[in-house]
Amino acid sequence: QVQLVESGGGLVQAGGSLRLSCAASGSTFRINIMEWHRQAPGKQRELVASITSGGSTNYADSVKGRFTISRDNAKNTVYLQMNSLKPDDTAVYYCAAKSFLGQRFWGQGTQVTVSS
């Protein structure tokens, strides 16, 4: 099993920045891809960004150019730097770890609220 703990959420004004962190523990050798997802009220959970163990990244169109995902393999931690935040970015953000066999482990989520 892999355990994930997110931190760094909060309330910020539009145009501001936040940095989310996600620390992994347990069977971290299983982890291939680290991901950030988000779920806004009344909406489906969506993939925001992902990063492979080799550092390749992918972003949702809605956050390209504003969000940056990074990963410290030595610390088993993934980060999401969020700049130029918009009210539409308001959601619960979830960290996920995808194993080499395709199994996905989830964190508990952290709330991000962007006020206009």
PDB file of N, CA and C in Angstrom:
ATOM      1  N   GLN A   1       0.823  -1.200   0.000  1.00  0.00           N
ATOM      2  CA  GLN A   1       0.000   0.000   0.000  1.00  0.00           C
ATOM      3  C   GLN A   1       0.864   1.260   0.000  1.00  0.00           C
ATOM      4  N   VAL A   2       0.285   2.327  -0.521  1.00  0.00           N
ATOM      5  CA  VAL A   2       0.931   3.639  -0.546  1.00  0.00           C
ATOM      6  C   VAL A   2       0.013   4.612   0.178  1.00  0.00           C
ATOM      7  N   GLN A   3       0.595   5.373   1.094  1.00  0.00           N
ATOM      8  CA  GLN A   3      -0.162   6.412   1.794  1.00  0.00           C
ATOM      9  C   GLN A   3       0.285   7.779   1.276  1.00  0.00           C
ATOM     10  N   LEU A   4      -0.687   8.669   1.089  1.00  0.00           N
ATOM     11  CA  LEU A   4      -0.418   9.999   0.554  1.00  0.00           C
ATOM     12  C   LEU A   4      -1.029  11.044   1.471  1.00  0.00           C
ATOM     13  N   VAL A   5      -0.252  12.076   1.794  1.00  0.00           N
ATOM     14  CA  VAL A   5      -0.732  13.160   2.639  1.00  0.00           C
ATOM     15  C   VAL A   5      -0.473  14.476   1.936  1.00  0.00           C
ATOM     16  N   GLU A   6      -1.573  15.206   1.650  1.00  0.00           N
ATOM     17  CA  GLU A   6      -1.463  16.496   0.976  1.00  0.00           C
ATOM     18  C   GLU A   6      -1.408  17.621   2.003  1.00  0.00           C
ATOM     19  N   SER A   7      -0.809  18.724   1.587  1.00  0.00           N
ATOM     20  CA  SER A   7      -0.803  19.936   2.398  1.00  0.00           C
ATOM     21  C   SER A   7      -0.659  21.132   1.473  1.00  0.00           C
ATOM     22  N   GLY A   8      -0.965  22.311   2.016  1.00  0.00           N
ATOM     23  CA  GLY A   8      -0.734  23.545   1.268  1.00  0.00           C
ATOM     24  C   GLY A   8      -1.978  24.219   0.718  1.00  0.00           C
ATOM     25  N   GLY A   9      -3.139  23.628   0.890  1.00  0.00           N
ATOM     26  CA  GLY A   9      -4.357  24.268   0.419  1.00  0.00           C
ATOM     27  C   GLY A   9      -4.705  25.474   1.275  1.00  0.00           C
ATOM     28  N   GLY A  10      -5.727  26.212   0.837  1.00  0.00           N
ATOM     29  CA  GLY A  10      -6.158  27.369   1.604  1.00  0.00           C
ATOM     30  C   GLY A  10      -6.995  28.314   0.768  1.00  0.00           C
ATOM     31  N   LEU A  11      -7.135  29.527   1.306  1.00  0.00           N
ATOM     32  CA  LEU A  11      -7.914  30.573   0.654  1.00  0.00           C
ATOM     33  C   LEU A  11      -6.971  31.607   0.070  1.00  0.00           C
ATOM     34  N   VAL A  12      -7.184  31.963  -1.185  1.00  0.00           N
ATOM     35  CA  VAL A  12      -6.332  32.943  -1.851  1.00  0.00           C
ATOM     36  C   VAL A  12      -7.194  33.794  -2.777  1.00  0.00           C
ATOM     37  N   GLN A  13      -6.763  35.015  -3.001  1.00  0.00           N
ATOM     38  CA  GLN A  13      -7.469  35.888  -3.931  1.00  0.00           C
ATOM     39  C   GLN A  13      -7.125  35.545  -5.372  1.00  0.00           C
ATOM     40  N   ALA A  14      -8.012  35.863  -6.265  1.00  0.00           N
ATOM     41  CA  ALA A  14      -7.757  35.654  -7.686  1.00  0.00           C
ATOM     42  C   ALA A  14      -6.459  36.352  -8.087  1.00  0.00           C
ATOM     43  N   GLY A  15      -5.665  35.645  -8.878  1.00  0.00           N
ATOM     44  CA  GLY A  15      -4.365  36.160  -9.281  1.00  0.00           C
ATOM     45  C   GLY A  15      -3.231  35.737  -8.375  1.00  0.00           C
ATOM     46  N   GLY A  16      -3.573  35.157  -7.236  1.00  0.00           N
ATOM     47  CA  GLY A  16      -2.562  34.728  -6.284  1.00  0.00           C
ATOM     48  C   GLY A  16      -2.001  33.356  -6.596  1.00  0.00           C
ATOM     49  N   SER A  17      -1.162  32.883  -5.673  1.00  0.00           N
ATOM     50  CA  SER A  17      -0.473  31.607  -5.866  1.00  0.00           C
ATOM     51  C   SER A  17      -0.595  30.730  -4.621  1.00  0.00           C
ATOM     52  N   LEU A  18      -0.534  29.438  -4.850  1.00  0.00           N
ATOM     53  CA  LEU A  18      -0.462  28.453  -3.778  1.00  0.00           C
ATOM     54  C   LEU A  18       0.442  27.319  -4.240  1.00  0.00           C
ATOM     55  N   ARG A  19       1.058  26.657  -3.293  1.00  0.00           N
ATOM     56  CA  ARG A  19       1.868  25.489  -3.603  1.00  0.00           C
ATOM     57  C   ARG A  19       1.358  24.322  -2.775  1.00  0.00           C
ATOM     58  N   LEU A  20       0.925  23.280  -3.454  1.00  0.00           N
ATOM     59  CA  LEU A  20       0.478  22.065  -2.801  1.00  0.00           C
ATOM     60  C   LEU A  20       1.629  21.066  -2.731  1.00  0.00           C
ATOM     61  N   SER A  21       1.674  20.311  -1.649  1.00  0.00           N
ATOM     62  CA  SER A  21       2.657  19.244  -1.486  1.00  0.00           C
ATOM     63  C   SER A  21       1.931  17.942  -1.199  1.00  0.00           C
ATOM     64  N   CYS A  22       2.557  16.860  -1.593  1.00  0.00           N
ATOM     65  CA  CYS A  22       1.997  15.529  -1.338  1.00  0.00           C
ATOM     66  C   CYS A  22       3.149  14.590  -1.018  1.00  0.00           C
ATOM     67  N   ALA A  23       3.157  14.101   0.205  1.00  0.00           N
ATOM     68  CA  ALA A  23       4.210  13.197   0.647  1.00  0.00           C
ATOM     69  C   ALA A  23       3.714  11.757   0.616  1.00  0.00           C
ATOM     70  N   ALA A  24       4.474  10.899  -0.016  1.00  0.00           N
ATOM     71  CA  ALA A  24       4.116   9.486  -0.126  1.00  0.00           C
ATOM     72  C   ALA A  24       4.924   8.667   0.863  1.00  0.00           C
ATOM     73  N   SER A  25       4.297   7.632   1.394  1.00  0.00           N
ATOM     74  CA  SER A  25       4.988   6.701   2.284  1.00  0.00           C
ATOM     75  C   SER A  25       4.452   5.302   2.029  1.00  0.00           C
ATOM     76  N   GLY A  26       5.087   4.324   2.642  1.00  0.00           N
ATOM     77  CA  GLY A  26       4.686   2.939   2.436  1.00  0.00           C
ATOM     78  C   GLY A  26       5.458   2.318   1.281  1.00  0.00           C
ATOM     79  N   SER A  27       4.772   1.626   0.420  1.00  0.00           N
ATOM     80  CA  SER A  27       5.415   0.911  -0.696  1.00  0.00           C
ATOM     81  C   SER A  27       5.665   1.849  -1.867  1.00  0.00           C
ATOM     82  N   THR A  28       6.493   2.850  -1.631  1.00  0.00           N
ATOM     83  CA  THR A  28       6.703   3.880  -2.646  1.00  0.00           C
ATOM     84  C   THR A  28       7.429   3.335  -3.878  1.00  0.00           C
ATOM     85  N   PHE A  29       8.076   2.180  -3.753  1.00  0.00           N
ATOM     86  CA  PHE A  29       8.750   1.603  -4.914  1.00  0.00           C
ATOM     87  C   PHE A  29       7.752   1.227  -6.008  1.00  0.00           C
ATOM     88  N   ARG A  30       6.464   1.129  -5.612  1.00  0.00           N
ATOM     89  CA  ARG A  30       5.421   0.785  -6.582  1.00  0.00           C
ATOM     90  C   ARG A  30       5.048   1.954  -7.491  1.00  0.00           C
ATOM     91  N   ILE A  31       5.407   3.165  -7.070  1.00  0.00           N
ATOM     92  CA  ILE A  31       4.889   4.352  -7.739  1.00  0.00           C
ATOM     93  C   ILE A  31       5.588   4.607  -9.058  1.00  0.00           C
ATOM     94  N   ASN A  32       4.789   4.797 -10.103  1.00  0.00           N
ATOM     95  CA  ASN A  32       5.305   5.188 -11.407  1.00  0.00           C
ATOM     96  C   ASN A  32       4.972   6.641 -11.682  1.00  0.00           C
ATOM     97  N   ILE A  33       3.692   6.953 -11.679  1.00  0.00           N
ATOM     98  CA  ILE A  33       3.239   8.300 -12.025  1.00  0.00           C
ATOM     99  C   ILE A  33       2.577   8.933 -10.809  1.00  0.00           C
ATOM    100  N   MET A  34       2.892  10.207 -10.595  1.00  0.00           N
ATOM    101  CA  MET A  34       2.219  10.984  -9.561  1.00  0.00           C
ATOM    102  C   MET A  34       1.284  11.973 -10.250  1.00  0.00           C
ATOM    103  N   GLU A  35       0.128  12.177  -9.656  1.00  0.00           N
ATOM    104  CA  GLU A  35      -0.895  12.998 -10.293  1.00  0.00           C
ATOM    105  C   GLU A  35      -1.534  13.948  -9.280  1.00  0.00           C
ATOM    106  N   TRP A  36      -2.060  15.033  -9.809  1.00  0.00           N
ATOM    107  CA  TRP A  36      -2.960  15.899  -9.062  1.00  0.00           C
ATOM    108  C   TRP A  36      -4.294  15.934  -9.810  1.00  0.00           C
ATOM    109  N   HIS A  37      -5.356  15.684  -9.054  1.00  0.00           N
ATOM    110  CA  HIS A  37      -6.716  15.759  -9.568  1.00  0.00           C
ATOM    111  C   HIS A  37      -7.441  16.824  -8.764  1.00  0.00           C
ATOM    112  N   ARG A  38      -8.580  17.268  -9.257  1.00  0.00           N
ATOM    113  CA  ARG A  38      -9.411  18.186  -8.482  1.00  0.00           C
ATOM    114  C   ARG A  38     -10.886  17.903  -8.733  1.00  0.00           C
ATOM    115  N   GLN A  39     -11.684  18.249  -7.748  1.00  0.00           N
ATOM    116  CA  GLN A  39     -13.118  18.073  -7.870  1.00  0.00           C
ATOM    117  C   GLN A  39     -13.828  19.291  -7.285  1.00  0.00           C
ATOM    118  N   ALA A  40     -14.522  20.010  -8.151  1.00  0.00           N
ATOM    119  CA  ALA A  40     -15.302  21.159  -7.735  1.00  0.00           C
ATOM    120  C   ALA A  40     -16.706  20.689  -7.370  1.00  0.00           C
ATOM    121  N   PRO A  41     -17.418  21.447  -6.566  1.00  0.00           N
ATOM    122  CA  PRO A  41     -18.775  21.057  -6.172  1.00  0.00           C
ATOM    123  C   PRO A  41     -19.666  20.829  -7.391  1.00  0.00           C
ATOM    124  N   GLY A  42     -20.330  19.675  -7.405  1.00  0.00           N
ATOM    125  CA  GLY A  42     -21.246  19.356  -8.488  1.00  0.00           C
ATOM    126  C   GLY A  42     -20.587  18.928  -9.783  1.00  0.00           C
ATOM    127  N   LYS A  43     -19.280  18.772  -9.763  1.00  0.00           N
ATOM    128  CA  LYS A  43     -18.559  18.380 -10.983  1.00  0.00           C
ATOM    129  C   LYS A  43     -17.803  17.080 -10.758  1.00  0.00           C
ATOM    130  N   GLN A  44     -17.440  16.451 -11.873  1.00  0.00           N
ATOM    131  CA  GLN A  44     -16.648  15.227 -11.796  1.00  0.00           C
ATOM    132  C   GLN A  44     -15.197  15.550 -11.464  1.00  0.00           C
ATOM    133  N   ARG A  45     -14.529  14.603 -10.859  1.00  0.00           N
ATOM    134  CA  ARG A  45     -13.107  14.758 -10.583  1.00  0.00           C
ATOM    135  C   ARG A  45     -12.355  14.768 -11.915  1.00  0.00           C
ATOM    136  N   GLU A  46     -11.398  15.673 -12.032  1.00  0.00           N
ATOM    137  CA  GLU A  46     -10.641  15.780 -13.267  1.00  0.00           C
ATOM    138  C   GLU A  46      -9.140  15.767 -12.970  1.00  0.00           C
ATOM    139  N   LEU A  47      -8.386  15.222 -13.936  1.00  0.00           N
ATOM    140  CA  LEU A  47      -6.935  15.192 -13.838  1.00  0.00           C
ATOM    141  C   LEU A  47      -6.393  16.572 -14.191  1.00  0.00           C
ATOM    142  N   VAL A  48      -5.583  17.110 -13.292  1.00  0.00           N
ATOM    143  CA  VAL A  48      -5.008  18.447 -13.497  1.00  0.00           C
ATOM    144  C   VAL A  48      -3.607  18.358 -14.082  1.00  0.00           C
ATOM    145  N   ALA A  49      -2.781  17.494 -13.487  1.00  0.00           N
ATOM    146  CA  ALA A  49      -1.396  17.383 -13.934  1.00  0.00           C
ATOM    147  C   ALA A  49      -0.842  16.044 -13.503  1.00  0.00           C
ATOM    148  N   SER A  50       0.157  15.574 -14.252  1.00  0.00           N
ATOM    149  CA  SER A  50       0.807  14.319 -13.900  1.00  0.00           C
ATOM    150  C   SER A  50       2.294  14.409 -14.217  1.00  0.00           C
ATOM    151  N   ILE A  51       3.068  13.566 -13.529  1.00  0.00           N
ATOM    152  CA  ILE A  51       4.507  13.528 -13.755  1.00  0.00           C
ATOM    153  C   ILE A  51       4.985  12.099 -13.577  1.00  0.00           C
ATOM    154  N   THR A  52       5.775  11.636 -14.529  1.00  0.00           N
ATOM    155  CA  THR A  52       6.299  10.277 -14.449  1.00  0.00           C
ATOM    156  C   THR A  52       7.533  10.229 -13.567  1.00  0.00           C
ATOM    157  N   SER A  53       8.004   9.035 -13.278  1.00  0.00           N
ATOM    158  CA  SER A  53       9.210   8.875 -12.475  1.00  0.00           C
ATOM    159  C   SER A  53      10.426   9.461 -13.192  1.00  0.00           C
ATOM    160  N   GLY A  54      10.343   9.565 -14.521  1.00  0.00           N
ATOM    161  CA  GLY A  54      11.439  10.160 -15.286  1.00  0.00           C
ATOM    162  C   GLY A  54      11.317  11.649 -15.459  1.00  0.00           C
ATOM    163  N   GLY A  55      10.222  12.229 -14.971  1.00  0.00           N
ATOM    164  CA  GLY A  55      10.070  13.683 -15.023  1.00  0.00           C
ATOM    165  C   GLY A  55       9.218  14.223 -16.156  1.00  0.00           C
ATOM    166  N   SER A  56       8.635  13.366 -16.966  1.00  0.00           N
ATOM    167  CA  SER A  56       7.759  13.848 -18.040  1.00  0.00           C
ATOM    168  C   SER A  56       6.442  14.328 -17.441  1.00  0.00           C
ATOM    169  N   THR A  57       5.967  15.472 -17.919  1.00  0.00           N
ATOM    170  CA  THR A  57       4.774  16.079 -17.344  1.00  0.00           C
ATOM    171  C   THR A  57       3.648  16.210 -18.367  1.00  0.00           C
ATOM    172  N   ASN A  58       2.447  16.304 -17.836  1.00  0.00           N
ATOM    173  CA  ASN A  58       1.265  16.505 -18.673  1.00  0.00           C
ATOM    174  C   ASN A  58       0.289  17.363 -17.878  1.00  0.00           C
ATOM    175  N   TYR A  59      -0.417  18.273 -18.586  1.00  0.00           N
ATOM    176  CA  TYR A  59      -1.325  19.194 -17.923  1.00  0.00           C
ATOM    177  C   TYR A  59      -2.667  19.256 -18.626  1.00  0.00           C
ATOM    178  N   ALA A  60      -3.709  19.509 -17.848  1.00  0.00           N
ATOM    179  CA  ALA A  60      -5.007  19.827 -18.433  1.00  0.00           C
ATOM    180  C   ALA A  60      -4.895  21.179 -19.137  1.00  0.00           C
ATOM    181  N   ASP A  61      -5.645  21.342 -20.213  1.00  0.00           N
ATOM    182  CA  ASP A  61      -5.585  22.594 -20.968  1.00  0.00           C
ATOM    183  C   ASP A  61      -5.923  23.795 -20.091  1.00  0.00           C
ATOM    184  N   SER A  62      -6.812  23.601 -19.133  1.00  0.00           N
ATOM    185  CA  SER A  62      -7.285  24.711 -18.310  1.00  0.00           C
ATOM    186  C   SER A  62      -6.209  25.272 -17.379  1.00  0.00           C
ATOM    187  N   VAL A  63      -5.134  24.535 -17.156  1.00  0.00           N
ATOM    188  CA  VAL A  63      -4.094  24.997 -16.220  1.00  0.00           C
ATOM    189  C   VAL A  63      -2.734  25.186 -16.879  1.00  0.00           C
ATOM    190  N   LYS A  64      -2.625  24.853 -18.155  1.00  0.00           N
ATOM    191  CA  LYS A  64      -1.341  25.000 -18.847  1.00  0.00           C
ATOM    192  C   LYS A  64      -0.855  26.439 -18.775  1.00  0.00           C
ATOM    193  N   GLY A  65       0.424  26.595 -18.448  1.00  0.00           N
ATOM    194  CA  GLY A  65       1.012  27.923 -18.349  1.00  0.00           C
ATOM    195  C   GLY A  65       0.820  28.572 -16.990  1.00  0.00           C
ATOM    196  N   ARG A  66      -0.029  28.001 -16.142  1.00  0.00           N
ATOM    197  CA  ARG A  66      -0.269  28.565 -14.806  1.00  0.00           C
ATOM    198  C   ARG A  66       0.184  27.634 -13.695  1.00  0.00           C
ATOM    199  N   PHE A  67       0.036  26.331 -13.898  1.00  0.00           N
ATOM    200  CA  PHE A  67       0.391  25.331 -12.887  1.00  0.00           C
ATOM    201  C   PHE A  67       1.654  24.589 -13.315  1.00  0.00           C
ATOM    202  N   THR A  68       2.457  24.227 -12.321  1.00  0.00           N
ATOM    203  CA  THR A  68       3.657  23.432 -12.577  1.00  0.00           C
ATOM    204  C   THR A  68       3.722  22.288 -11.589  1.00  0.00           C
ATOM    205  N   ILE A  69       3.836  21.074 -12.111  1.00  0.00           N
ATOM    206  CA  ILE A  69       4.004  19.907 -11.257  1.00  0.00           C
ATOM    207  C   ILE A  69       5.479  19.542 -11.225  1.00  0.00           C
ATOM    208  N   SER A  70       5.950  19.162 -10.050  1.00  0.00           N
ATOM    209  CA  SER A  70       7.333  18.736  -9.908  1.00  0.00           C
ATOM    210  C   SER A  70       7.403  17.610  -8.891  1.00  0.00           C
ATOM    211  N   ARG A  71       8.547  16.968  -8.864  1.00  0.00           N
ATOM    212  CA  ARG A  71       8.644  15.747  -8.062  1.00  0.00           C
ATOM    213  C   ARG A  71      10.047  15.623  -7.498  1.00  0.00           C
ATOM    214  N   ASP A  72      10.130  15.276  -6.225  1.00  0.00           N
ATOM    215  CA  ASP A  72      11.403  14.995  -5.569  1.00  0.00           C
ATOM    216  C   ASP A  72      11.386  13.513  -5.217  1.00  0.00           C
ATOM    217  N   ASN A  73      12.016  12.702  -6.047  1.00  0.00           N
ATOM    218  CA  ASN A  73      11.966  11.259  -5.836  1.00  0.00           C
ATOM    219  C   ASN A  73      12.668  10.838  -4.541  1.00  0.00           C
ATOM    220  N   ALA A  74      13.701  11.571  -4.155  1.00  0.00           N
ATOM    221  CA  ALA A  74      14.423  11.227  -2.929  1.00  0.00           C
ATOM    222  C   ALA A  74      13.546  11.424  -1.696  1.00  0.00           C
ATOM    223  N   LYS A  75      12.640  12.402  -1.769  1.00  0.00           N
ATOM    224  CA  LYS A  75      11.745  12.681  -0.651  1.00  0.00           C
ATOM    225  C   LYS A  75      10.368  12.060  -0.850  1.00  0.00           C
ATOM    226  N   ASN A  76      10.166  11.383  -1.974  1.00  0.00           N
ATOM    227  CA  ASN A  76       8.854  10.799  -2.292  1.00  0.00           C
ATOM    228  C   ASN A  76       7.746  11.839  -2.172  1.00  0.00           C
ATOM    229  N   THR A  77       8.012  13.001  -2.718  1.00  0.00           N
ATOM    230  CA  THR A  77       7.080  14.121  -2.610  1.00  0.00           C
ATOM    231  C   THR A  77       6.833  14.718  -3.988  1.00  0.00           C
ATOM    232  N   VAL A  78       5.586  15.086  -4.225  1.00  0.00           N
ATOM    233  CA  VAL A  78       5.217  15.768  -5.459  1.00  0.00           C
ATOM    234  C   VAL A  78       4.595  17.109  -5.082  1.00  0.00           C
ATOM    235  N   TYR A  79       4.836  18.099  -5.931  1.00  0.00           N
ATOM    236  CA  TYR A  79       4.371  19.448  -5.675  1.00  0.00           C
ATOM    237  C   TYR A  79       3.494  19.931  -6.832  1.00  0.00           C
ATOM    238  N   LEU A  80       2.624  20.858  -6.513  1.00  0.00           N
ATOM    239  CA  LEU A  80       1.859  21.543  -7.551  1.00  0.00           C
ATOM    240  C   LEU A  80       1.917  23.044  -7.253  1.00  0.00           C
ATOM    241  N   GLN A  81       2.702  23.754  -8.055  1.00  0.00           N
ATOM    242  CA  GLN A  81       2.770  25.205  -7.937  1.00  0.00           C
ATOM    243  C   GLN A  81       1.664  25.791  -8.788  1.00  0.00           C
ATOM    244  N   MET A  82       0.791  26.554  -8.150  1.00  0.00           N
ATOM    245  CA  MET A  82      -0.364  27.120  -8.845  1.00  0.00           C
ATOM    246  C   MET A  82      -0.263  28.647  -8.836  1.00  0.00           C
ATOM    247  N   ASN A  83      -0.126  29.215 -10.002  1.00  0.00           N
ATOM    248  CA  ASN A  83      -0.022  30.669 -10.147  1.00  0.00           C
ATOM    249  C   ASN A  83      -1.215  31.209 -10.911  1.00  0.00           C
ATOM    250  N   SER A  84      -1.419  32.509 -10.826  1.00  0.00           N
ATOM    251  CA  SER A  84      -2.512  33.173 -11.545  1.00  0.00           C
ATOM    252  C   SER A  84      -3.832  32.456 -11.317  1.00  0.00           C
ATOM    253  N   LEU A  85      -4.113  32.170 -10.063  1.00  0.00           N
ATOM    254  CA  LEU A  85      -5.306  31.394  -9.732  1.00  0.00           C
ATOM    255  C   LEU A  85      -6.578  32.152 -10.063  1.00  0.00           C
ATOM    256  N   LYS A  86      -7.575  31.373 -10.470  1.00  0.00           N
ATOM    257  CA  LYS A  86      -8.876  31.912 -10.850  1.00  0.00           C
ATOM    258  C   LYS A  86      -9.957  31.302  -9.952  1.00  0.00           C
ATOM    259  N   PRO A  87     -11.100  31.974  -9.808  1.00  0.00           N
ATOM    260  CA  PRO A  87     -12.180  31.369  -9.020  1.00  0.00           C
ATOM    261  C   PRO A  87     -12.575  29.979  -9.526  1.00  0.00           C
ATOM    262  N   ASP A  88     -12.446  29.733 -10.826  1.00  0.00           N
ATOM    263  CA  ASP A  88     -12.770  28.414 -11.385  1.00  0.00           C
ATOM    264  C   ASP A  88     -11.810  27.323 -10.920  1.00  0.00           C
ATOM    265  N   ASP A  89     -10.700  27.711 -10.319  1.00  0.00           N
ATOM    266  CA  ASP A  89      -9.762  26.716  -9.788  1.00  0.00           C
ATOM    267  C   ASP A  89     -10.186  26.217  -8.417  1.00  0.00           C
ATOM    268  N   THR A  90     -11.219  26.803  -7.848  1.00  0.00           N
ATOM    269  CA  THR A  90     -11.713  26.383  -6.546  1.00  0.00           C
ATOM    270  C   THR A  90     -12.179  24.929  -6.603  1.00  0.00           C
ATOM    271  N   ALA A  91     -11.631  24.109  -5.715  1.00  0.00           N
ATOM    272  CA  ALA A  91     -11.942  22.678  -5.718  1.00  0.00           C
ATOM    273  C   ALA A  91     -11.210  22.012  -4.563  1.00  0.00           C
ATOM    274  N   VAL A  92     -11.550  20.761  -4.337  1.00  0.00           N
ATOM    275  CA  VAL A  92     -10.715  19.919  -3.483  1.00  0.00           C
ATOM    276  C   VAL A  92      -9.681  19.271  -4.398  1.00  0.00           C
ATOM    277  N   TYR A  93      -8.433  19.420  -4.042  1.00  0.00           N
ATOM    278  CA  TYR A  93      -7.329  18.871  -4.837  1.00  0.00           C
ATOM    279  C   TYR A  93      -6.835  17.582  -4.195  1.00  0.00           C
ATOM    280  N   TYR A  94      -6.738  16.545  -5.017  1.00  0.00           N
ATOM    281  CA  TYR A  94      -6.327  15.234  -4.563  1.00  0.00           C
ATOM    282  C   TYR A  94      -5.022  14.821  -5.218  1.00  0.00           C
ATOM    283  N   CYS A  95      -4.131  14.321  -4.405  1.00  0.00           N
ATOM    284  CA  CYS A  95      -2.912  13.710  -4.908  1.00  0.00           C
ATOM    285  C   CYS A  95      -3.192  12.238  -5.166  1.00  0.00           C
ATOM    286  N   ALA A  96      -2.596  11.695  -6.215  1.00  0.00           N
ATOM    287  CA  ALA A  96      -2.750  10.277  -6.527  1.00  0.00           C
ATOM    288  C   ALA A  96      -1.420   9.714  -6.985  1.00  0.00           C
ATOM    289  N   ALA A  97      -1.214   8.459  -6.646  1.00  0.00           N
ATOM    290  CA  ALA A  97      -0.018   7.743  -7.082  1.00  0.00           C
ATOM    291  C   ALA A  97      -0.461   6.537  -7.889  1.00  0.00           C
ATOM    292  N   LYS A  98       0.051   6.439  -9.087  1.00  0.00           N
ATOM    293  CA  LYS A  98      -0.312   5.333  -9.969  1.00  0.00           C
ATOM    294  C   LYS A  98       0.852   4.357 -10.039  1.00  0.00           C
ATOM    295  N   SER A  99       0.562   3.096  -9.749  1.00  0.00           N
ATOM    296  CA  SER A  99       1.626   2.093  -9.713  1.00  0.00           C
ATOM    297  C   SER A  99       1.959   1.620 -11.128  1.00  0.00           C
ATOM    298  N   PHE A 100       3.036   0.860 -11.238  1.00  0.00           N
ATOM    299  CA  PHE A 100       3.445   0.304 -12.528  1.00  0.00           C
ATOM    300  C   PHE A 100       2.408  -0.680 -13.072  1.00  0.00           C
ATOM    301  N   LEU A 101       1.554  -1.206 -12.175  1.00  0.00           N
ATOM    302  CA  LEU A 101       0.500  -2.138 -12.593  1.00  0.00           C
ATOM    303  C   LEU A 101      -0.821  -1.415 -12.835  1.00  0.00           C
ATOM    304  N   GLY A 102      -0.830  -0.091 -12.708  1.00  0.00           N
ATOM    305  CA  GLY A 102      -2.028   0.676 -12.993  1.00  0.00           C
ATOM    306  C   GLY A 102      -2.926   0.954 -11.801  1.00  0.00           C
ATOM    307  N   GLN A 103      -2.565   0.450 -10.630  1.00  0.00           N
ATOM    308  CA  GLN A 103      -3.363   0.712  -9.438  1.00  0.00           C
ATOM    309  C   GLN A 103      -3.150   2.153  -9.009  1.00  0.00           C
ATOM    310  N   ARG A 104      -4.217   2.805  -8.559  1.00  0.00           N
ATOM    311  CA  ARG A 104      -4.136   4.209  -8.164  1.00  0.00           C
ATOM    312  C   ARG A 104      -4.457   4.333  -6.676  1.00  0.00           C
ATOM    313  N   PHE A 105      -3.570   5.022  -5.966  1.00  0.00           N
ATOM    314  CA  PHE A 105      -3.770   5.309  -4.547  1.00  0.00           C
ATOM    315  C   PHE A 105      -4.092   6.796  -4.407  1.00  0.00           C
ATOM    316  N   TRP A 106      -4.956   7.142  -3.424  1.00  0.00           N
ATOM    317  CA  TRP A 106      -5.426   8.509  -3.285  1.00  0.00           C
ATOM    318  C   TRP A 106      -5.080   9.101  -1.927  1.00  0.00           C
ATOM    319  N   GLY A 107      -4.845  10.405  -1.926  1.00  0.00           N
ATOM    320  CA  GLY A 107      -4.741  11.137  -0.684  1.00  0.00           C
ATOM    321  C   GLY A 107      -6.130  11.569  -0.231  1.00  0.00           C
ATOM    322  N   GLN A 108      -6.171  12.267   0.907  1.00  0.00           N
ATOM    323  CA  GLN A 108      -7.453  12.639   1.491  1.00  0.00           C
ATOM    324  C   GLN A 108      -8.015  13.924   0.893  1.00  0.00           C
ATOM    325  N   GLY A 109      -7.190  14.664   0.193  1.00  0.00           N
ATOM    326  CA  GLY A 109      -7.643  15.895  -0.444  1.00  0.00           C
ATOM    327  C   GLY A 109      -7.354  17.123   0.396  1.00  0.00           C
ATOM    328  N   THR A 110      -7.176  18.251  -0.285  1.00  0.00           N
ATOM    329  CA  THR A 110      -6.970  19.528   0.381  1.00  0.00           C
ATOM    330  C   THR A 110      -7.781  20.590  -0.368  1.00  0.00           C
ATOM    331  N   GLN A 111      -8.439  21.449   0.397  1.00  0.00           N
ATOM    332  CA  GLN A 111      -9.335  22.442  -0.199  1.00  0.00           C
ATOM    333  C   GLN A 111      -8.543  23.651  -0.690  1.00  0.00           C
ATOM    334  N   VAL A 112      -8.842  24.061  -1.915  1.00  0.00           N
ATOM    335  CA  VAL A 112      -8.307  25.304  -2.476  1.00  0.00           C
ATOM    336  C   VAL A 112      -9.504  26.176  -2.840  1.00  0.00           C
ATOM    337  N   THR A 113      -9.522  27.373  -2.262  1.00  0.00           N
ATOM    338  CA  THR A 113     -10.605  28.318  -2.538  1.00  0.00           C
ATOM    339  C   THR A 113     -10.019  29.618  -3.070  1.00  0.00           C
ATOM    340  N   VAL A 114     -10.487  30.029  -4.237  1.00  0.00           N
ATOM    341  CA  VAL A 114      -9.996  31.259  -4.862  1.00  0.00           C
ATOM    342  C   VAL A 114     -11.148  32.258  -4.890  1.00  0.00           C
ATOM    343  N   SER A 115     -10.952  33.372  -4.197  1.00  0.00           N
ATOM    344  CA  SER A 115     -11.999  34.387  -4.132  1.00  0.00           C
ATOM    345  C   SER A 115     -11.811  35.423  -5.242  1.00  0.00           C
ATOM    346  N   SER A 116     -12.922  35.946  -5.712  1.00  0.00           N
ATOM    347  CA  SER A 116     -12.859  36.932  -6.813  1.00  0.00           C
ATOM    348  C   SER A 116     -12.711  38.348  -6.286  1.00  0.00           C
TER     349      SER A 116
END
